[in-house]
PDB file of all heavy atoms in Angstrom:
ATOM      1  N   ASP A   1      99.967  74.755  81.671  1.00  0.00           N
ATOM      2  CA  ASP A   1     101.217  75.276  82.100  1.00  0.00           C
ATOM      3  C   ASP A   1     101.304  75.567  83.618  1.00  0.00           C
ATOM      4  O   ASP A   1     102.280  76.079  84.103  1.00  0.00           O
ATOM      5  CB  ASP A   1     101.470  76.666  81.344  1.00  0.00           C
ATOM      6  CG  ASP A   1     100.453  77.729  81.636  1.00  0.00           C
ATOM      7  OD1 ASP A   1      99.489  77.352  82.379  1.00  0.00           O
ATOM      8  OD2 ASP A   1     100.589  78.812  81.067  1.00  0.00           O
ATOM      9  N   GLY A   2     100.230  75.175  84.310  1.00  0.00           N
ATOM     10  CA  GLY A   2     100.288  75.286  85.743  1.00  0.00           C
ATOM     11  C   GLY A   2     100.328  76.684  86.299  1.00  0.00           C
ATOM     12  O   GLY A   2     100.921  76.949  87.361  1.00  0.00           O
ATOM     13  N   THR A   3      99.613  77.629  85.609  1.00  0.00           N
ATOM     14  CA  THR A   3      99.656  79.002  86.088  1.00  0.00           C
ATOM     15  C   THR A   3      99.018  79.093  87.444  1.00  0.00           C
ATOM     16  O   THR A   3      97.965  78.563  87.674  1.00  0.00           O
ATOM     17  CB  THR A   3      98.907  79.812  85.011  1.00  0.00           C
ATOM     18  OG1 THR A   3      99.518  79.733  83.787  1.00  0.00           O
ATOM     19  CG2 THR A   3      98.923  81.326  85.504  1.00  0.00           C
ATOM     20  N   VAL A   4      99.568  79.818  88.300  1.00  0.00           N
ATOM     21  CA  VAL A   4      99.085  80.019  89.660  1.00  0.00           C
ATOM     22  C   VAL A   4      98.026  81.058  89.594  1.00  0.00           C
ATOM     23  O   VAL A   4      98.241  82.171  89.119  1.00  0.00           O
ATOM     24  CB  VAL A   4     100.246  80.401  90.639  1.00  0.00           C
ATOM     25  CG1 VAL A   4      99.592  80.698  91.930  1.00  0.00           C
ATOM     26  CG2 VAL A   4     101.295  79.436  90.709  1.00  0.00           C
ATOM     27  N   THR A   5      96.858  80.693  90.074  1.00  0.00           N
ATOM     28  CA  THR A   5      95.746  81.608  90.084  1.00  0.00           C
ATOM     29  C   THR A   5      95.243  82.036  91.419  1.00  0.00           C
ATOM     30  O   THR A   5      94.401  82.832  91.593  1.00  0.00           O
ATOM     31  CB  THR A   5      94.499  80.977  89.335  1.00  0.00           C
ATOM     32  OG1 THR A   5      94.176  79.773  89.910  1.00  0.00           O
ATOM     33  CG2 THR A   5      94.869  80.778  87.818  1.00  0.00           C
ATOM     34  N   GLU A   6      95.826  81.389  92.440  1.00  0.00           N
ATOM     35  CA  GLU A   6      95.419  81.689  93.804  1.00  0.00           C
ATOM     36  C   GLU A   6      96.572  82.284  94.575  1.00  0.00           C
ATOM     37  O   GLU A   6      97.691  81.879  94.350  1.00  0.00           O
ATOM     38  CB  GLU A   6      94.902  80.407  94.503  1.00  0.00           C
ATOM     39  CG  GLU A   6      93.640  79.877  93.884  1.00  0.00           C
ATOM     40  CD  GLU A   6      93.122  78.627  94.653  1.00  0.00           C
ATOM     41  OE1 GLU A   6      93.785  78.283  95.649  1.00  0.00           O
ATOM     42  OE2 GLU A   6      92.123  78.063  94.252  1.00  0.00           O
ATOM     43  N   ARG A   7      96.330  83.175  95.498  1.00  0.00           N
ATOM     44  CA  ARG A   7      97.347  83.717  96.333  1.00  0.00           C
ATOM     45  C   ARG A   7      97.764  82.682  97.392  1.00  0.00           C
ATOM     46  O   ARG A   7      96.981  81.988  97.979  1.00  0.00           O
ATOM     47  CB  ARG A   7      96.865  84.960  97.010  1.00  0.00           C
ATOM     48  CG  ARG A   7      96.664  86.130  96.009  1.00  0.00           C
ATOM     49  CD  ARG A   7      96.177  87.360  96.827  1.00  0.00           C
ATOM     50  NE  ARG A   7      95.939  88.442  95.853  1.00  0.00           N
ATOM     51  CZ  ARG A   7      96.869  89.257  95.420  1.00  0.00           C
ATOM     52  NH1 ARG A   7      98.059  89.134  95.796  1.00  0.00           N
ATOM     53  NH2 ARG A   7      96.529  90.246  94.629  1.00  0.00           N
ATOM     54  N   SER A   8      99.061  82.601  97.652  1.00  0.00           N
ATOM     55  CA  SER A   8      99.544  81.713  98.707  1.00  0.00           C
ATOM     56  C   SER A   8      99.865  82.501  99.952  1.00  0.00           C
ATOM     57  O   SER A   8     100.752  83.387  99.930  1.00  0.00           O
ATOM     58  CB  SER A   8     100.886  81.032  98.204  1.00  0.00           C
ATOM     59  OG  SER A   8     100.565  80.236  97.136  1.00  0.00           O
ATOM     60  N   GLY A   9      98.993  82.322 100.984  1.00  0.00           N
ATOM     61  CA  GLY A   9      99.220  83.192 102.148  1.00  0.00           C
ATOM     62  C   GLY A   9      98.459  84.486 102.096  1.00  0.00           C
ATOM     63  O   GLY A   9      98.250  84.984 101.037  1.00  0.00           O
ATOM     64  N   ALA A  10      98.195  85.034 103.223  1.00  0.00           N
ATOM     65  CA  ALA A  10      97.553  86.295 103.294  1.00  0.00           C
ATOM     66  C   ALA A  10      98.478  87.461 103.568  1.00  0.00           C
ATOM     67  O   ALA A  10      99.486  87.264 104.319  1.00  0.00           O
ATOM     68  CB  ALA A  10      96.498  86.342 104.433  1.00  0.00           C
ATOM     69  N   TRP A  11      98.381  88.512 102.862  1.00  0.00           N
ATOM     70  CA  TRP A  11      99.266  89.676 103.065  1.00  0.00           C
ATOM     71  C   TRP A  11      98.887  90.541 104.213  1.00  0.00           C
ATOM     72  O   TRP A  11      99.736  91.218 104.790  1.00  0.00           O
ATOM     73  CB  TRP A  11      99.272  90.543 101.754  1.00  0.00           C
ATOM     74  CG  TRP A  11     100.058  89.882 100.628  1.00  0.00           C
ATOM     75  CD1 TRP A  11      99.534  89.123  99.639  1.00  0.00           C
ATOM     76  CD2 TRP A  11     101.462  89.818 100.460  1.00  0.00           C
ATOM     77  NE1 TRP A  11     100.554  88.590  98.886  1.00  0.00           N
ATOM     78  CE2 TRP A  11     101.748  89.062  99.302  1.00  0.00           C
ATOM     79  CE3 TRP A  11     102.539  90.425 101.171  1.00  0.00           C
ATOM     80  CZ2 TRP A  11     102.983  88.860  98.844  1.00  0.00           C
ATOM     81  CZ3 TRP A  11     103.781  90.212 100.662  1.00  0.00           C
ATOM     82  CH2 TRP A  11     104.016  89.461  99.500  1.00  0.00           C
ATOM     83  N   SER A  12      97.642  90.548 104.520  1.00  0.00           N
ATOM     84  CA  SER A  12      97.188  91.393 105.660  1.00  0.00           C
ATOM     85  C   SER A  12      97.714  90.840 106.927  1.00  0.00           C
ATOM     86  O   SER A  12      97.663  89.611 107.192  1.00  0.00           O
ATOM     87  CB  SER A  12      95.668  91.509 105.695  1.00  0.00           C
ATOM     88  OG  SER A  12      95.154  90.207 105.782  1.00  0.00           O
ATOM     89  N   GLY A  13      98.251  91.654 107.762  1.00  0.00           N
ATOM     90  CA  GLY A  13      98.747  91.201 109.141  1.00  0.00           C
ATOM     91  C   GLY A  13     100.192  90.871 109.104  1.00  0.00           C
ATOM     92  O   GLY A  13     100.880  91.033 110.154  1.00  0.00           O
ATOM     93  N   ARG A  14     100.730  90.508 107.942  1.00  0.00           N
ATOM     94  CA  ARG A  14     102.180  90.193 107.826  1.00  0.00           C
ATOM     95  C   ARG A  14     102.676  89.166 108.877  1.00  0.00           C
ATOM     96  O   ARG A  14     103.733  89.393 109.535  1.00  0.00           O
ATOM     97  CB  ARG A  14     103.039  91.489 108.006  1.00  0.00           C
ATOM     98  CG  ARG A  14     102.729  92.526 106.893  1.00  0.00           C
ATOM     99  CD  ARG A  14     103.178  91.983 105.549  1.00  0.00           C
ATOM    100  NE  ARG A  14     102.952  92.969 104.468  1.00  0.00           N
ATOM    101  CZ  ARG A  14     103.203  92.760 103.209  1.00  0.00           C
ATOM    102  NH1 ARG A  14     103.801  91.682 102.872  1.00  0.00           N
ATOM    103  NH2 ARG A  14     102.979  93.646 102.335  1.00  0.00           N
ATOM    104  N   SER A  15     101.876  88.186 109.160  1.00  0.00           N
ATOM    105  CA  SER A  15     102.275  87.160 110.141  1.00  0.00           C
ATOM    106  C   SER A  15     103.344  86.316 109.535  1.00  0.00           C
ATOM    107  O   SER A  15     103.611  86.244 108.325  1.00  0.00           O
ATOM    108  CB  SER A  15     101.086  86.305 110.505  1.00  0.00           C
ATOM    109  OG  SER A  15     100.606  85.578 109.458  1.00  0.00           O
ATOM    110  N   GLY A  16     104.056  85.481 110.393  1.00  0.00           N
ATOM    111  CA  GLY A  16     105.123  84.601 109.881  1.00  0.00           C
ATOM    112  C   GLY A  16     104.579  83.633 108.911  1.00  0.00           C
ATOM    113  O   GLY A  16     105.127  83.476 107.795  1.00  0.00           O
ATOM    114  N   PRO A  17     103.549  82.843 109.186  1.00  0.00           N
ATOM    115  CA  PRO A  17     102.977  81.916 108.202  1.00  0.00           C
ATOM    116  C   PRO A  17     102.565  82.623 106.884  1.00  0.00           C
ATOM    117  O   PRO A  17     102.735  82.031 105.787  1.00  0.00           O
ATOM    118  CB  PRO A  17     101.824  81.248 108.857  1.00  0.00           C
ATOM    119  CG  PRO A  17     102.109  81.454 110.347  1.00  0.00           C
ATOM    120  CD  PRO A  17     102.853  82.764 110.440  1.00  0.00           C
ATOM    121  N   ALA A  18     102.047  83.813 107.019  1.00  0.00           N
ATOM    122  CA  ALA A  18     101.602  84.553 105.789  1.00  0.00           C
ATOM    123  C   ALA A  18     102.834  84.901 104.897  1.00  0.00           C
ATOM    124  O   ALA A  18     102.790  84.789 103.710  1.00  0.00           O
ATOM    125  CB  ALA A  18     100.856  85.821 106.134  1.00  0.00           C
ATOM    126  N   ARG A  19     103.933  85.358 105.596  1.00  0.00           N
ATOM    127  CA  ARG A  19     105.070  85.748 104.832  1.00  0.00           C
ATOM    128  C   ARG A  19     105.715  84.470 104.185  1.00  0.00           C
ATOM    129  O   ARG A  19     106.125  84.501 103.006  1.00  0.00           O
ATOM    130  CB  ARG A  19     106.081  86.467 105.702  1.00  0.00           C
ATOM    131  CG  ARG A  19     105.659  87.891 106.071  1.00  0.00           C
ATOM    132  CD  ARG A  19     106.927  88.636 106.599  1.00  0.00           C
ATOM    133  NE  ARG A  19     107.415  87.966 107.864  1.00  0.00           N
ATOM    134  CZ  ARG A  19     106.980  88.286 109.084  1.00  0.00           C
ATOM    135  NH1 ARG A  19     106.068  89.220 109.279  1.00  0.00           N
ATOM    136  NH2 ARG A  19     107.523  87.714 110.142  1.00  0.00           N
ATOM    137  N   ALA A  20     105.687  83.399 104.926  1.00  0.00           N
ATOM    138  CA  ALA A  20     106.255  82.104 104.335  1.00  0.00           C
ATOM    139  C   ALA A  20     105.384  81.685 103.180  1.00  0.00           C
ATOM    140  O   ALA A  20     105.912  81.151 102.136  1.00  0.00           O
ATOM    141  CB  ALA A  20     106.256  81.055 105.473  1.00  0.00           C
ATOM    142  N   GLY A  21     104.047  81.752 103.326  1.00  0.00           N
ATOM    143  CA  GLY A  21     103.213  81.398 102.223  1.00  0.00           C
ATOM    144  C   GLY A  21     103.410  82.278 101.026  1.00  0.00           C
ATOM    145  O   GLY A  21     103.417  81.820  99.906  1.00  0.00           O
ATOM    146  N   ALA A  22     103.591  83.533 101.189  1.00  0.00           N
ATOM    147  CA  ALA A  22     103.920  84.477 100.157  1.00  0.00           C
ATOM    148  C   ALA A  22     105.168  84.118  99.419  1.00  0.00           C
ATOM    149  O   ALA A  22     105.280  84.143  98.177  1.00  0.00           O
ATOM    150  CB  ALA A  22     103.973  85.944 100.669  1.00  0.00           C
ATOM    151  N   ARG A  23     106.259  83.797 100.187  1.00  0.00           N
ATOM    152  CA  ARG A  23     107.498  83.398  99.616  1.00  0.00           C
ATOM    153  C   ARG A  23     107.309  82.115  98.796  1.00  0.00           C
ATOM    154  O   ARG A  23     107.877  82.017  97.688  1.00  0.00           O
ATOM    155  CB  ARG A  23     108.568  83.246 100.656  1.00  0.00           C
ATOM    156  CG  ARG A  23     109.093  84.549 101.246  1.00  0.00           C
ATOM    157  CD  ARG A  23     110.364  84.342 102.062  1.00  0.00           C
ATOM    158  NE  ARG A  23     110.077  83.524 103.162  1.00  0.00           N
ATOM    159  CZ  ARG A  23     109.804  83.891 104.387  1.00  0.00           C
ATOM    160  NH1 ARG A  23     109.602  85.186 104.631  1.00  0.00           N
ATOM    161  NH2 ARG A  23     109.602  83.087 105.379  1.00  0.00           N
ATOM    162  N   ASP A  24     106.615  81.154  99.351  1.00  0.00           N
ATOM    163  CA  ASP A  24     106.392  79.927  98.653  1.00  0.00           C
ATOM    164  C   ASP A  24     105.581  80.156  97.414  1.00  0.00           C
ATOM    165  O   ASP A  24     105.851  79.547  96.314  1.00  0.00           O
ATOM    166  CB  ASP A  24     105.561  78.955  99.512  1.00  0.00           C
ATOM    167  CG  ASP A  24     106.400  78.441 100.685  1.00  0.00           C
ATOM    168  OD1 ASP A  24     107.699  78.590 100.579  1.00  0.00           O
ATOM    169  OD2 ASP A  24     105.851  77.904 101.619  1.00  0.00           O
ATOM    170  N   GLY A  25     104.660  81.129  97.390  1.00  0.00           N
ATOM    171  CA  GLY A  25     103.815  81.443  96.189  1.00  0.00           C
ATOM    172  C   GLY A  25     104.667  82.002  95.134  1.00  0.00           C
ATOM    173  O   GLY A  25     104.545  81.681  94.018  1.00  0.00           O
ATOM    174  N   VAL A  26     105.630  82.984  95.542  1.00  0.00           N
ATOM    175  CA  VAL A  26     106.486  83.598  94.512  1.00  0.00           C
ATOM    176  C   VAL A  26     107.410  82.556  93.930  1.00  0.00           C
ATOM    177  O   VAL A  26     107.631  82.486  92.719  1.00  0.00           O
ATOM    178  CB  VAL A  26     107.328  84.682  95.185  1.00  0.00           C
ATOM    179  CG1 VAL A  26     108.419  85.197  94.280  1.00  0.00           C
ATOM    180  CG2 VAL A  26     106.388  85.861  95.598  1.00  0.00           C
ATOM    181  N   ALA A  27     107.939  81.721  94.791  1.00  0.00           N
ATOM    182  CA  ALA A  27     108.880  80.635  94.291  1.00  0.00           C
ATOM    183  C   ALA A  27     108.066  79.710  93.329  1.00  0.00           C
ATOM    184  O   ALA A  27     108.674  79.254  92.312  1.00  0.00           O
ATOM    185  CB  ALA A  27     109.464  79.832  95.402  1.00  0.00           C
TER     186      ALA A  27
END
């Protein structure tokens, strides 16, 4: 089922790439 098991992007620091990675991970 393609379950996501890894985090996309780092939350610490809240950098632009990290936030973009987090959004991509949620999507």
